[in-house]
Amino acid sequence: MAKRFIISEEEKGDILSKYGLVSEQMNQQKEVSAQMEKIKPEMGGKYCFGDPKRLQANYGYNVKLYKVKSGDTLSGIVSKHPIVDSVDDLIRINKSCALNKGLNSGDVLAILMVPSM
């Protein structure tokens, strides 16, 4: 279960400035099931995050789906999404794929868009 924190407006501002975001970027993703309708694994690929209802329950609207492209690396994906804390977060959330052994083009990852605290 994800930990939830109540933060002040000042703390929110600190988080936004640290990650170079504007507040509209936080909590603006669609439901996981709605994203799944548009972002589907390619032939031979799969969803790496397991149960979408569990993912939605744990992280709410702070999840973005990403289809792995040829040449992607875990560190490259993290660098494209600055609000993602680390490669370890990607591996932890996407347990259905053995990401620590490498990425498969066409798989769909869940990216948590709120930093761990």
PDB file of N, CA and C in Angstrom:
ATOM      1  N   MET A   1       0.842  -1.176   0.000  1.00  0.00           N
ATOM      2  CA  MET A   1       0.000   0.000   0.000  1.00  0.00           C
ATOM      3  C   MET A   1       0.885   1.236   0.000  1.00  0.00           C
ATOM      4  N   ALA A   2       0.561   2.191  -0.811  1.00  0.00           N
ATOM      5  CA  ALA A   2       1.323   3.429  -0.909  1.00  0.00           C
ATOM      6  C   ALA A   2       1.092   4.273   0.330  1.00  0.00           C
ATOM      7  N   LYS A   3       2.142   4.951   0.765  1.00  0.00           N
ATOM      8  CA  LYS A   3       2.009   5.887   1.870  1.00  0.00           C
ATOM      9  C   LYS A   3       1.436   7.180   1.317  1.00  0.00           C
ATOM     10  N   ARG A   4       0.610   7.822   2.093  1.00  0.00           N
ATOM     11  CA  ARG A   4       0.027   9.093   1.688  1.00  0.00           C
ATOM     12  C   ARG A   4       0.429  10.155   2.713  1.00  0.00           C
ATOM     13  N   PHE A   5       0.758  11.328   2.208  1.00  0.00           N
ATOM     14  CA  PHE A   5       1.191  12.411   3.054  1.00  0.00           C
ATOM     15  C   PHE A   5       0.352  13.642   2.770  1.00  0.00           C
ATOM     16  N   ILE A   6       0.133  14.416   3.797  1.00  0.00           N
ATOM     17  CA  ILE A   6      -0.508  15.715   3.635  1.00  0.00           C
ATOM     18  C   ILE A   6       0.611  16.736   3.673  1.00  0.00           C
ATOM     19  N   ILE A   7       0.663  17.577   2.628  1.00  0.00           N
ATOM     20  CA  ILE A   7       1.733  18.567   2.564  1.00  0.00           C
ATOM     21  C   ILE A   7       1.122  19.958   2.463  1.00  0.00           C
ATOM     22  N   SER A   8       1.893  20.920   2.903  1.00  0.00           N
ATOM     23  CA  SER A   8       1.449  22.312   2.833  1.00  0.00           C
ATOM     24  C   SER A   8       1.667  22.846   1.418  1.00  0.00           C
ATOM     25  N   GLU A   9       1.091  23.997   1.139  1.00  0.00           N
ATOM     26  CA  GLU A   9       1.299  24.636  -0.164  1.00  0.00           C
ATOM     27  C   GLU A   9       2.783  24.947  -0.376  1.00  0.00           C
ATOM     28  N   GLU A  10       3.467  25.345   0.698  1.00  0.00           N
ATOM     29  CA  GLU A  10       4.901  25.650   0.599  1.00  0.00           C
ATOM     30  C   GLU A  10       5.696  24.396   0.225  1.00  0.00           C
ATOM     31  N   GLU A  11       5.372  23.270   0.881  1.00  0.00           N
ATOM     32  CA  GLU A  11       6.054  22.019   0.559  1.00  0.00           C
ATOM     33  C   GLU A  11       5.747  21.582  -0.875  1.00  0.00           C
ATOM     34  N   LYS A  12       4.508  21.777  -1.303  1.00  0.00           N
ATOM     35  CA  LYS A  12       4.137  21.455  -2.677  1.00  0.00           C
ATOM     36  C   LYS A  12       4.974  22.284  -3.645  1.00  0.00           C
ATOM     37  N   GLY A  13       5.117  23.560  -3.345  1.00  0.00           N
ATOM     38  CA  GLY A  13       5.942  24.437  -4.184  1.00  0.00           C
ATOM     39  C   GLY A  13       7.381  23.979  -4.245  1.00  0.00           C
ATOM     40  N   ASP A  14       7.907  23.532  -3.100  1.00  0.00           N
ATOM     41  CA  ASP A  14       9.279  23.029  -3.068  1.00  0.00           C
ATOM     42  C   ASP A  14       9.441  21.802  -3.956  1.00  0.00           C
ATOM     43  N   ILE A  15       8.472  20.897  -3.900  1.00  0.00           N
ATOM     44  CA  ILE A  15       8.515  19.687  -4.728  1.00  0.00           C
ATOM     45  C   ILE A  15       8.439  20.060  -6.205  1.00  0.00           C
ATOM     46  N   LEU A  16       7.516  20.951  -6.541  1.00  0.00           N
ATOM     47  CA  LEU A  16       7.359  21.353  -7.937  1.00  0.00           C
ATOM     48  C   LEU A  16       8.623  22.014  -8.472  1.00  0.00           C
ATOM     49  N   SER A  17       9.222  22.888  -7.680  1.00  0.00           N
ATOM     50  CA  SER A  17      10.424  23.564  -8.167  1.00  0.00           C
ATOM     51  C   SER A  17      11.609  22.599  -8.244  1.00  0.00           C
ATOM     52  N   LYS A  18      11.705  21.680  -7.312  1.00  0.00           N
ATOM     53  CA  LYS A  18      12.803  20.705  -7.328  1.00  0.00           C
ATOM     54  C   LYS A  18      12.787  19.882  -8.604  1.00  0.00           C
ATOM     55  N   TYR A  19      11.585  19.526  -9.069  1.00  0.00           N
ATOM     56  CA  TYR A  19      11.466  18.666 -10.243  1.00  0.00           C
ATOM     57  C   TYR A  19      11.112  19.452 -11.507  1.00  0.00           C
ATOM     58  N   GLY A  20      11.124  20.775 -11.432  1.00  0.00           N
ATOM     59  CA  GLY A  20      10.885  21.588 -12.609  1.00  0.00           C
ATOM     60  C   GLY A  20       9.496  21.456 -13.191  1.00  0.00           C
ATOM     61  N   LEU A  21       8.493  21.343 -12.337  1.00  0.00           N
ATOM     62  CA  LEU A  21       7.119  21.121 -12.789  1.00  0.00           C
ATOM     63  C   LEU A  21       6.235  22.314 -12.475  1.00  0.00           C
ATOM     64  N   VAL A  22       5.120  22.339 -13.138  1.00  0.00           N
ATOM     65  CA  VAL A  22       4.048  23.236 -12.747  1.00  0.00           C
ATOM     66  C   VAL A  22       2.958  22.372 -12.144  1.00  0.00           C
ATOM     67  N   SER A  23       2.135  22.930 -11.286  1.00  0.00           N
ATOM     68  CA  SER A  23       1.171  22.125 -10.529  1.00  0.00           C
ATOM     69  C   SER A  23       0.213  21.364 -11.423  1.00  0.00           C
ATOM     70  N   GLU A  24      -0.041  21.861 -12.649  1.00  0.00           N
ATOM     71  CA  GLU A  24      -0.962  21.174 -13.541  1.00  0.00           C
ATOM     72  C   GLU A  24      -0.436  19.801 -13.963  1.00  0.00           C
ATOM     73  N   GLN A  25       0.876  19.576 -13.856  1.00  0.00           N
ATOM     74  CA  GLN A  25       1.445  18.298 -14.254  1.00  0.00           C
ATOM     75  C   GLN A  25       1.214  17.210 -13.212  1.00  0.00           C
ATOM     76  N   MET A  26       0.937  17.603 -11.983  1.00  0.00           N
ATOM     77  CA  MET A  26       0.694  16.617 -10.944  1.00  0.00           C
ATOM     78  C   MET A  26      -0.775  16.248 -10.942  1.00  0.00           C
ATOM     79  N   ASN A  27      -1.056  14.979 -10.725  1.00  0.00           N
ATOM     80  CA  ASN A  27      -2.422  14.478 -10.605  1.00  0.00           C
ATOM     81  C   ASN A  27      -3.269  14.742 -11.847  1.00  0.00           C
ATOM     82  N   GLN A  28      -2.676  14.779 -13.026  1.00  0.00           N
ATOM     83  CA  GLN A  28      -3.432  15.080 -14.233  1.00  0.00           C
ATOM     84  C   GLN A  28      -3.537  13.897 -15.184  1.00  0.00           C
ATOM     85  N   GLN A  29      -3.098  12.731 -14.800  1.00  0.00           N
ATOM     86  CA  GLN A  29      -3.195  11.568 -15.661  1.00  0.00           C
ATOM     87  C   GLN A  29      -4.615  11.030 -15.637  1.00  0.00           C
ATOM     88  N   LYS A  30      -4.966  10.287 -16.669  1.00  0.00           N
ATOM     89  CA  LYS A  30      -6.269   9.638 -16.726  1.00  0.00           C
ATOM     90  C   LYS A  30      -6.201   8.344 -15.923  1.00  0.00           C
ATOM     91  N   GLU A  31      -7.357   7.759 -15.675  1.00  0.00           N
ATOM     92  CA  GLU A  31      -7.391   6.462 -15.003  1.00  0.00           C
ATOM     93  C   GLU A  31      -6.553   5.474 -15.789  1.00  0.00           C
ATOM     94  N   VAL A  32      -5.968   4.521 -15.073  1.00  0.00           N
ATOM     95  CA  VAL A  32      -5.120   3.525 -15.706  1.00  0.00           C
ATOM     96  C   VAL A  32      -5.888   2.779 -16.793  1.00  0.00           C
ATOM     97  N   SER A  33      -7.131   2.395 -16.513  1.00  0.00           N
ATOM     98  CA  SER A  33      -7.910   1.646 -17.505  1.00  0.00           C
ATOM     99  C   SER A  33      -8.141   2.469 -18.775  1.00  0.00           C
ATOM    100  N   ALA A  34      -8.344   3.775 -18.645  1.00  0.00           N
ATOM    101  CA  ALA A  34      -8.519   4.639 -19.818  1.00  0.00           C
ATOM    102  C   ALA A  34      -7.220   4.753 -20.607  1.00  0.00           C
ATOM    103  N   GLN A  35      -6.097   4.823 -19.912  1.00  0.00           N
ATOM    104  CA  GLN A  35      -4.802   4.864 -20.596  1.00  0.00           C
ATOM    105  C   GLN A  35      -4.538   3.550 -21.328  1.00  0.00           C
ATOM    106  N   MET A  36      -4.989   2.434 -20.729  1.00  0.00           N
ATOM    107  CA  MET A  36      -4.781   1.124 -21.340  1.00  0.00           C
ATOM    108  C   MET A  36      -5.539   0.989 -22.665  1.00  0.00           C
ATOM    109  N   GLU A  37      -6.629   1.718 -22.812  1.00  0.00           N
ATOM    110  CA  GLU A  37      -7.370   1.676 -24.072  1.00  0.00           C
ATOM    111  C   GLU A  37      -6.561   2.278 -25.211  1.00  0.00           C
ATOM    112  N   LYS A  38      -5.694   3.233 -24.896  1.00  0.00           N
ATOM    113  CA  LYS A  38      -4.898   3.901 -25.924  1.00  0.00           C
ATOM    114  C   LYS A  38      -3.480   3.346 -26.032  1.00  0.00           C
ATOM    115  N   ILE A  39      -2.926   2.887 -24.939  1.00  0.00           N
ATOM    116  CA  ILE A  39      -1.545   2.401 -24.930  1.00  0.00           C
ATOM    117  C   ILE A  39      -1.570   0.898 -24.708  1.00  0.00           C
ATOM    118  N   LYS A  40      -1.377   0.166 -25.774  1.00  0.00           N
ATOM    119  CA  LYS A  40      -1.444  -1.296 -25.735  1.00  0.00           C
ATOM    120  C   LYS A  40      -0.075  -1.872 -26.055  1.00  0.00           C
ATOM    121  N   PRO A  41       0.258  -3.007 -25.444  1.00  0.00           N
ATOM    122  CA  PRO A  41       1.528  -3.650 -25.784  1.00  0.00           C
ATOM    123  C   PRO A  41       1.533  -4.082 -27.249  1.00  0.00           C
ATOM    124  N   GLU A  42       2.713  -4.089 -27.830  1.00  0.00           N
ATOM    125  CA  GLU A  42       2.846  -4.600 -29.183  1.00  0.00           C
ATOM    126  C   GLU A  42       2.869  -6.122 -29.123  1.00  0.00           C
ATOM    127  N   MET A  43       2.784  -6.767 -30.283  1.00  0.00           N
ATOM    128  CA  MET A  43       2.784  -8.226 -30.327  1.00  0.00           C
ATOM    129  C   MET A  43       4.000  -8.770 -29.567  1.00  0.00           C
ATOM    130  N   GLY A  44       3.745  -9.659 -28.645  1.00  0.00           N
ATOM    131  CA  GLY A  44       4.802 -10.229 -27.811  1.00  0.00           C
ATOM    132  C   GLY A  44       5.084  -9.431 -26.556  1.00  0.00           C
ATOM    133  N   GLY A  45       4.533  -8.228 -26.466  1.00  0.00           N
ATOM    134  CA  GLY A  45       4.737  -7.399 -25.290  1.00  0.00           C
ATOM    135  C   GLY A  45       3.626  -7.623 -24.278  1.00  0.00           C
ATOM    136  N   LYS A  46       3.775  -7.000 -23.107  1.00  0.00           N
ATOM    137  CA  LYS A  46       2.746  -7.137 -22.077  1.00  0.00           C
ATOM    138  C   LYS A  46       2.745  -5.908 -21.185  1.00  0.00           C
ATOM    139  N   TYR A  47       1.685  -5.805 -20.379  1.00  0.00           N
ATOM    140  CA  TYR A  47       1.637  -4.790 -19.341  1.00  0.00           C
ATOM    141  C   TYR A  47       2.501  -5.289 -18.191  1.00  0.00           C
ATOM    142  N   CYS A  48       3.427  -4.471 -17.751  1.00  0.00           N
ATOM    143  CA  CYS A  48       4.392  -4.896 -16.736  1.00  0.00           C
ATOM    144  C   CYS A  48       3.952  -4.618 -15.303  1.00  0.00           C
ATOM    145  N   PHE A  49       2.835  -3.936 -15.109  1.00  0.00           N
ATOM    146  CA  PHE A  49       2.449  -3.484 -13.777  1.00  0.00           C
ATOM    147  C   PHE A  49       1.433  -4.375 -13.083  1.00  0.00           C
ATOM    148  N   GLY A  50       0.986  -5.424 -13.703  1.00  0.00           N
ATOM    149  CA  GLY A  50       0.031  -6.324 -13.060  1.00  0.00           C
ATOM    150  C   GLY A  50      -1.390  -5.784 -13.098  1.00  0.00           C
ATOM    151  N   ASP A  51      -2.079  -5.887 -11.995  1.00  0.00           N
ATOM    152  CA  ASP A  51      -3.499  -5.530 -11.899  1.00  0.00           C
ATOM    153  C   ASP A  51      -3.707  -4.011 -11.970  1.00  0.00           C
ATOM    154  N   PRO A  52      -4.377  -3.520 -13.024  1.00  0.00           N
ATOM    155  CA  PRO A  52      -4.577  -2.072 -13.132  1.00  0.00           C
ATOM    156  C   PRO A  52      -5.442  -1.493 -12.017  1.00  0.00           C
ATOM    157  N   LYS A  53      -6.385  -2.278 -11.478  1.00  0.00           N
ATOM    158  CA  LYS A  53      -7.229  -1.781 -10.389  1.00  0.00           C
ATOM    159  C   LYS A  53      -6.404  -1.575  -9.120  1.00  0.00           C
ATOM    160  N   ARG A  54      -5.474  -2.487  -8.864  1.00  0.00           N
ATOM    161  CA  ARG A  54      -4.577  -2.336  -7.710  1.00  0.00           C
ATOM    162  C   ARG A  54      -3.688  -1.112  -7.892  1.00  0.00           C
ATOM    163  N   LEU A  55      -3.163  -0.962  -9.098  1.00  0.00           N
ATOM    164  CA  LEU A  55      -2.302   0.186  -9.403  1.00  0.00           C
ATOM    165  C   LEU A  55      -3.063   1.497  -9.185  1.00  0.00           C
ATOM    166  N   GLN A  56      -4.281   1.565  -9.687  1.00  0.00           N
ATOM    167  CA  GLN A  56      -5.116   2.761  -9.526  1.00  0.00           C
ATOM    168  C   GLN A  56      -5.434   3.003  -8.054  1.00  0.00           C
ATOM    169  N   ALA A  57      -5.753   1.940  -7.322  1.00  0.00           N
ATOM    170  CA  ALA A  57      -6.075   2.080  -5.902  1.00  0.00           C
ATOM    171  C   ALA A  57      -4.877   2.588  -5.109  1.00  0.00           C
ATOM    172  N   ASN A  58      -3.693   2.114  -5.446  1.00  0.00           N
ATOM    173  CA  ASN A  58      -2.495   2.501  -4.703  1.00  0.00           C
ATOM    174  C   ASN A  58      -1.979   3.895  -5.047  1.00  0.00           C
ATOM    175  N   TYR A  59      -2.087   4.273  -6.316  1.00  0.00           N
ATOM    176  CA  TYR A  59      -1.434   5.507  -6.769  1.00  0.00           C
ATOM    177  C   TYR A  59      -2.378   6.529  -7.385  1.00  0.00           C
ATOM    178  N   GLY A  60      -3.649   6.211  -7.496  1.00  0.00           N
ATOM    179  CA  GLY A  60      -4.621   7.171  -8.020  1.00  0.00           C
ATOM    180  C   GLY A  60      -4.302   7.631  -9.426  1.00  0.00           C
ATOM    181  N   TYR A  61      -4.359   8.926  -9.648  1.00  0.00           N
ATOM    182  CA  TYR A  61      -4.142   9.513 -10.968  1.00  0.00           C
ATOM    183  C   TYR A  61      -2.688   9.919 -11.188  1.00  0.00           C
ATOM    184  N   ASN A  62      -1.795   9.382 -10.389  1.00  0.00           N
ATOM    185  CA  ASN A  62      -0.381   9.729 -10.487  1.00  0.00           C
ATOM    186  C   ASN A  62       0.408   8.707 -11.293  1.00  0.00           C
ATOM    187  N   VAL A  63      -0.272   7.981 -12.171  1.00  0.00           N
ATOM    188  CA  VAL A  63       0.372   6.937 -12.955  1.00  0.00           C
ATOM    189  C   VAL A  63       0.272   7.285 -14.429  1.00  0.00           C
ATOM    190  N   LYS A  64       1.388   7.165 -15.113  1.00  0.00           N
ATOM    191  CA  LYS A  64       1.432   7.375 -16.558  1.00  0.00           C
ATOM    192  C   LYS A  64       1.927   6.085 -17.195  1.00  0.00           C
ATOM    193  N   LEU A  65       1.248   5.625 -18.231  1.00  0.00           N
ATOM    194  CA  LEU A  65       1.700   4.433 -18.944  1.00  0.00           C
ATOM    195  C   LEU A  65       2.666   4.841 -20.047  1.00  0.00           C
ATOM    196  N   TYR A  66       3.663   3.992 -20.267  1.00  0.00           N
ATOM    197  CA  TYR A  66       4.705   4.275 -21.261  1.00  0.00           C
ATOM    198  C   TYR A  66       5.033   2.992 -22.008  1.00  0.00           C
ATOM    199  N   LYS A  67       4.961   3.045 -23.331  1.00  0.00           N
ATOM    200  CA  LYS A  67       5.312   1.881 -24.144  1.00  0.00           C
ATOM    201  C   LYS A  67       6.807   1.922 -24.443  1.00  0.00           C
ATOM    202  N   VAL A  68       7.495   0.829 -24.122  1.00  0.00           N
ATOM    203  CA  VAL A  68       8.931   0.733 -24.330  1.00  0.00           C
ATOM    204  C   VAL A  68       9.224   0.694 -25.826  1.00  0.00           C
ATOM    205  N   LYS A  69      10.184   1.527 -26.216  1.00  0.00           N
ATOM    206  CA  LYS A  69      10.615   1.583 -27.611  1.00  0.00           C
ATOM    207  C   LYS A  69      11.994   0.935 -27.748  1.00  0.00           C
ATOM    208  N   SER A  70      12.307   0.514 -28.939  1.00  0.00           N
ATOM    209  CA  SER A  70      13.625  -0.063 -29.205  1.00  0.00           C
ATOM    210  C   SER A  70      14.698   0.951 -28.815  1.00  0.00           C
ATOM    211  N   GLY A  71      15.687   0.503 -28.085  1.00  0.00           N
ATOM    212  CA  GLY A  71      16.774   1.375 -27.658  1.00  0.00           C
ATOM    213  C   GLY A  71      16.560   2.031 -26.310  1.00  0.00           C
ATOM    214  N   ASP A  72      15.356   1.934 -25.742  1.00  0.00           N
ATOM    215  CA  ASP A  72      15.101   2.510 -24.417  1.00  0.00           C
ATOM    216  C   ASP A  72      15.923   1.802 -23.352  1.00  0.00           C
ATOM    217  N   THR A  73      16.311   2.558 -22.350  1.00  0.00           N
ATOM    218  CA  THR A  73      16.941   2.009 -21.156  1.00  0.00           C
ATOM    219  C   THR A  73      16.163   2.515 -19.953  1.00  0.00           C
ATOM    220  N   LEU A  74      16.295   1.818 -18.829  1.00  0.00           N
ATOM    221  CA  LEU A  74      15.605   2.273 -17.617  1.00  0.00           C
ATOM    222  C   LEU A  74      16.053   3.678 -17.224  1.00  0.00           C
ATOM    223  N   SER A  75      17.357   3.924 -17.258  1.00  0.00           N
ATOM    224  CA  SER A  75      17.850   5.251 -16.881  1.00  0.00           C
ATOM    225  C   SER A  75      17.396   6.305 -17.884  1.00  0.00           C
ATOM    226  N   GLY A  76      17.276   5.944 -19.148  1.00  0.00           N
ATOM    227  CA  GLY A  76      16.784   6.872 -20.152  1.00  0.00           C
ATOM    228  C   GLY A  76      15.325   7.235 -19.922  1.00  0.00           C
ATOM    229  N   ILE A  77      14.525   6.243 -19.542  1.00  0.00           N
ATOM    230  CA  ILE A  77      13.111   6.504 -19.249  1.00  0.00           C
ATOM    231  C   ILE A  77      12.993   7.423 -18.042  1.00  0.00           C
ATOM    232  N   VAL A  78      13.796   7.172 -17.011  1.00  0.00           N
ATOM    233  CA  VAL A  78      13.778   8.033 -15.822  1.00  0.00           C
ATOM    234  C   VAL A  78      14.173   9.459 -16.202  1.00  0.00           C
ATOM    235  N   SER A  79      15.175   9.610 -17.056  1.00  0.00           N
ATOM    236  CA  SER A  79      15.612  10.965 -17.429  1.00  0.00           C
ATOM    237  C   SER A  79      14.565  11.697 -18.267  1.00  0.00           C
ATOM    238  N   LYS A  80      13.720  10.962 -19.021  1.00  0.00           N
ATOM    239  CA  LYS A  80      12.653  11.585 -19.805  1.00  0.00           C
ATOM    240  C   LYS A  80      11.494  12.033 -18.923  1.00  0.00           C
ATOM    241  N   HIS A  81      11.386  11.448 -17.747  1.00  0.00           N
ATOM    242  CA  HIS A  81      10.290  11.741 -16.818  1.00  0.00           C
ATOM    243  C   HIS A  81      10.907  12.196 -15.497  1.00  0.00           C
ATOM    244  N   PRO A  82      11.269  13.471 -15.367  1.00  0.00           N
ATOM    245  CA  PRO A  82      12.032  13.945 -14.209  1.00  0.00           C
ATOM    246  C   PRO A  82      11.356  13.770 -12.858  1.00  0.00           C
ATOM    247  N   ILE A  83      10.058  13.567 -12.827  1.00  0.00           N
ATOM    248  CA  ILE A  83       9.400  13.394 -11.534  1.00  0.00           C
ATOM    249  C   ILE A  83       9.571  11.976 -11.001  1.00  0.00           C
ATOM    250  N   VAL A  84      10.025  11.050 -11.827  1.00  0.00           N
ATOM    251  CA  VAL A  84      10.269   9.677 -11.387  1.00  0.00           C
ATOM    252  C   VAL A  84      11.552   9.683 -10.565  1.00  0.00           C
ATOM    253  N   ASP A  85      11.503   9.110  -9.371  1.00  0.00           N
ATOM    254  CA  ASP A  85      12.660   9.157  -8.485  1.00  0.00           C
ATOM    255  C   ASP A  85      13.840   8.342  -8.979  1.00  0.00           C
ATOM    256  N   SER A  86      13.596   7.115  -9.406  1.00  0.00           N
ATOM    257  CA  SER A  86      14.739   6.255  -9.697  1.00  0.00           C
ATOM    258  C   SER A  86      14.347   5.051 -10.535  1.00  0.00           C
ATOM    259  N   VAL A  87      15.374   4.401 -11.038  1.00  0.00           N
ATOM    260  CA  VAL A  87      15.198   3.140 -11.750  1.00  0.00           C
ATOM    261  C   VAL A  87      14.555   2.120 -10.808  1.00  0.00           C
ATOM    262  N   ASP A  88      14.932   2.163  -9.538  1.00  0.00           N
ATOM    263  CA  ASP A  88      14.362   1.226  -8.554  1.00  0.00           C
ATOM    264  C   ASP A  88      12.845   1.366  -8.457  1.00  0.00           C
ATOM    265  N   ASP A  89      12.330   2.604  -8.559  1.00  0.00           N
ATOM    266  CA  ASP A  89      10.877   2.808  -8.548  1.00  0.00           C
ATOM    267  C   ASP A  89      10.218   2.117  -9.739  1.00  0.00           C
ATOM    268  N   LEU A  90      10.816   2.248 -10.925  1.00  0.00           N
ATOM    269  CA  LEU A  90      10.266   1.578 -12.110  1.00  0.00           C
ATOM    270  C   LEU A  90      10.229   0.075 -11.921  1.00  0.00           C
ATOM    271  N   ILE A  91      11.309  -0.478 -11.413  1.00  0.00           N
ATOM    272  CA  ILE A  91      11.391  -1.931 -11.202  1.00  0.00           C
ATOM    273  C   ILE A  91      10.358  -2.371 -10.177  1.00  0.00           C
ATOM    274  N   ARG A  92      10.204  -1.603  -9.088  1.00  0.00           N
ATOM    275  CA  ARG A  92       9.275  -1.951  -8.015  1.00  0.00           C
ATOM    276  C   ARG A  92       7.825  -1.946  -8.493  1.00  0.00           C
ATOM    277  N   ILE A  93       7.451  -0.965  -9.269  1.00  0.00           N
ATOM    278  CA  ILE A  93       6.069  -0.833  -9.716  1.00  0.00           C
ATOM    279  C   ILE A  93       5.731  -1.827 -10.823  1.00  0.00           C
ATOM    280  N   ASN A  94       6.716  -2.181 -11.633  1.00  0.00           N
ATOM    281  CA  ASN A  94       6.495  -3.039 -12.803  1.00  0.00           C
ATOM    282  C   ASN A  94       7.045  -4.443 -12.568  1.00  0.00           C
ATOM    283  N   LYS A  95       6.555  -5.085 -11.512  1.00  0.00           N
ATOM    284  CA  LYS A  95       7.066  -6.391 -11.100  1.00  0.00           C
ATOM    285  C   LYS A  95       6.747  -7.520 -12.077  1.00  0.00           C
ATOM    286  N   SER A  96       5.750  -7.348 -12.942  1.00  0.00           N
ATOM    287  CA  SER A  96       5.367  -8.424 -13.858  1.00  0.00           C
ATOM    288  C   SER A  96       6.397  -8.657 -14.966  1.00  0.00           C
ATOM    289  N   CYS A  97       7.315  -7.727 -15.134  1.00  0.00           N
ATOM    290  CA  CYS A  97       8.402  -7.881 -16.106  1.00  0.00           C
ATOM    291  C   CYS A  97       9.716  -7.860 -15.327  1.00  0.00           C
ATOM    292  N   ALA A  98      10.652  -8.627 -15.748  1.00  0.00           N
ATOM    293  CA  ALA A  98      11.963  -8.673 -15.089  1.00  0.00           C
ATOM    294  C   ALA A  98      12.814  -7.517 -15.615  1.00  0.00           C
ATOM    295  N   LEU A  99      12.486  -6.301 -15.206  1.00  0.00           N
ATOM    296  CA  LEU A  99      13.155  -5.119 -15.731  1.00  0.00           C
ATOM    297  C   LEU A  99      14.637  -5.077 -15.379  1.00  0.00           C
ATOM    298  N   ASN A 100      14.999  -5.683 -14.261  1.00  0.00           N
ATOM    299  CA  ASN A 100      16.410  -5.683 -13.889  1.00  0.00           C
ATOM    300  C   ASN A 100      17.246  -6.528 -14.859  1.00  0.00           C
ATOM    301  N   LYS A 101      16.583  -7.327 -15.692  1.00  0.00           N
ATOM    302  CA  LYS A 101      17.278  -8.131 -16.705  1.00  0.00           C
ATOM    303  C   LYS A 101      17.250  -7.460 -18.068  1.00  0.00           C
ATOM    304  N   GLY A 102      16.548  -6.335 -18.172  1.00  0.00           N
ATOM    305  CA  GLY A 102      16.476  -5.596 -19.427  1.00  0.00           C
ATOM    306  C   GLY A 102      15.052  -5.309 -19.843  1.00  0.00           C
ATOM    307  N   LEU A 103      14.922  -4.434 -20.820  1.00  0.00           N
ATOM    308  CA  LEU A 103      13.620  -4.024 -21.325  1.00  0.00           C
ATOM    309  C   LEU A 103      13.286  -4.781 -22.599  1.00  0.00           C
ATOM    310  N   ASN A 104      12.013  -5.011 -22.808  1.00  0.00           N
ATOM    311  CA  ASN A 104      11.536  -5.599 -24.050  1.00  0.00           C
ATOM    312  C   ASN A 104      10.708  -4.563 -24.788  1.00  0.00           C
ATOM    313  N   SER A 105      11.105  -4.277 -26.013  1.00  0.00           N
ATOM    314  CA  SER A 105      10.355  -3.341 -26.842  1.00  0.00           C
ATOM    315  C   SER A 105       8.912  -3.814 -26.978  1.00  0.00           C
ATOM    316  N   GLY A 106       7.983  -2.902 -26.822  1.00  0.00           N
ATOM    317  CA  GLY A 106       6.565  -3.226 -26.926  1.00  0.00           C
ATOM    318  C   GLY A 106       5.879  -3.457 -25.599  1.00  0.00           C
ATOM    319  N   ASP A 107       6.639  -3.661 -24.515  1.00  0.00           N
ATOM    320  CA  ASP A 107       6.039  -3.778 -23.187  1.00  0.00           C
ATOM    321  C   ASP A 107       5.526  -2.402 -22.753  1.00  0.00           C
ATOM    322  N   VAL A 108       4.550  -2.394 -21.855  1.00  0.00           N
ATOM    323  CA  VAL A 108       4.004  -1.140 -21.331  1.00  0.00           C
ATOM    324  C   VAL A 108       4.316  -1.061 -19.846  1.00  0.00           C
ATOM    325  N   LEU A 109       4.985   0.015 -19.465  1.00  0.00           N
ATOM    326  CA  LEU A 109       5.374   0.253 -18.066  1.00  0.00           C
ATOM    327  C   LEU A 109       4.436   1.265 -17.428  1.00  0.00           C
ATOM    328  N   ALA A 110       4.283   1.152 -16.117  1.00  0.00           N
ATOM    329  CA  ALA A 110       3.608   2.172 -15.332  1.00  0.00           C
ATOM    330  C   ALA A 110       4.689   3.044 -14.709  1.00  0.00           C
ATOM    331  N   ILE A 111       4.530   4.342 -14.861  1.00  0.00           N
ATOM    332  CA  ILE A 111       5.481   5.292 -14.291  1.00  0.00           C
ATOM    333  C   ILE A 111       4.744   6.085 -13.231  1.00  0.00           C
ATOM    334  N   LEU A 112       5.243   6.045 -12.005  1.00  0.00           N
ATOM    335  CA  LEU A 112       4.665   6.809 -10.909  1.00  0.00           C
ATOM    336  C   LEU A 112       5.124   8.255 -11.021  1.00  0.00           C
ATOM    337  N   MET A 113       4.183   9.170 -11.141  1.00  0.00           N
ATOM    338  CA  MET A 113       4.491  10.564 -11.397  1.00  0.00           C
ATOM    339  C   MET A 113       4.571  11.424 -10.138  1.00  0.00           C
ATOM    340  N   VAL A 114       4.676  10.824  -8.995  1.00  0.00           N
ATOM    341  CA  VAL A 114       4.848  11.547  -7.749  1.00  0.00           C
ATOM    342  C   VAL A 114       6.069  10.967  -7.069  1.00  0.00           C
ATOM    343  N   PRO A 115       7.004  11.791  -6.640  1.00  0.00           N
ATOM    344  CA  PRO A 115       8.206  11.257  -6.013  1.00  0.00           C
ATOM    345  C   PRO A 115       7.890  10.551  -4.707  1.00  0.00           C
ATOM    346  N   SER A 116       8.662   9.493  -4.416  1.00  0.00           N
ATOM    347  CA  SER A 116       8.535   8.793  -3.141  1.00  0.00           C
ATOM    348  C   SER A 116       8.993   9.714  -2.035  1.00  0.00           C
ATOM    349  N   MET A 117       8.372   9.589  -0.872  1.00  0.00           N
ATOM    350  CA  MET A 117       8.774  10.430   0.259  1.00  0.00           C
ATOM    351  C   MET A 117       9.010   9.560   1.453  1.00  0.00           C
TER     352      MET A 117
END
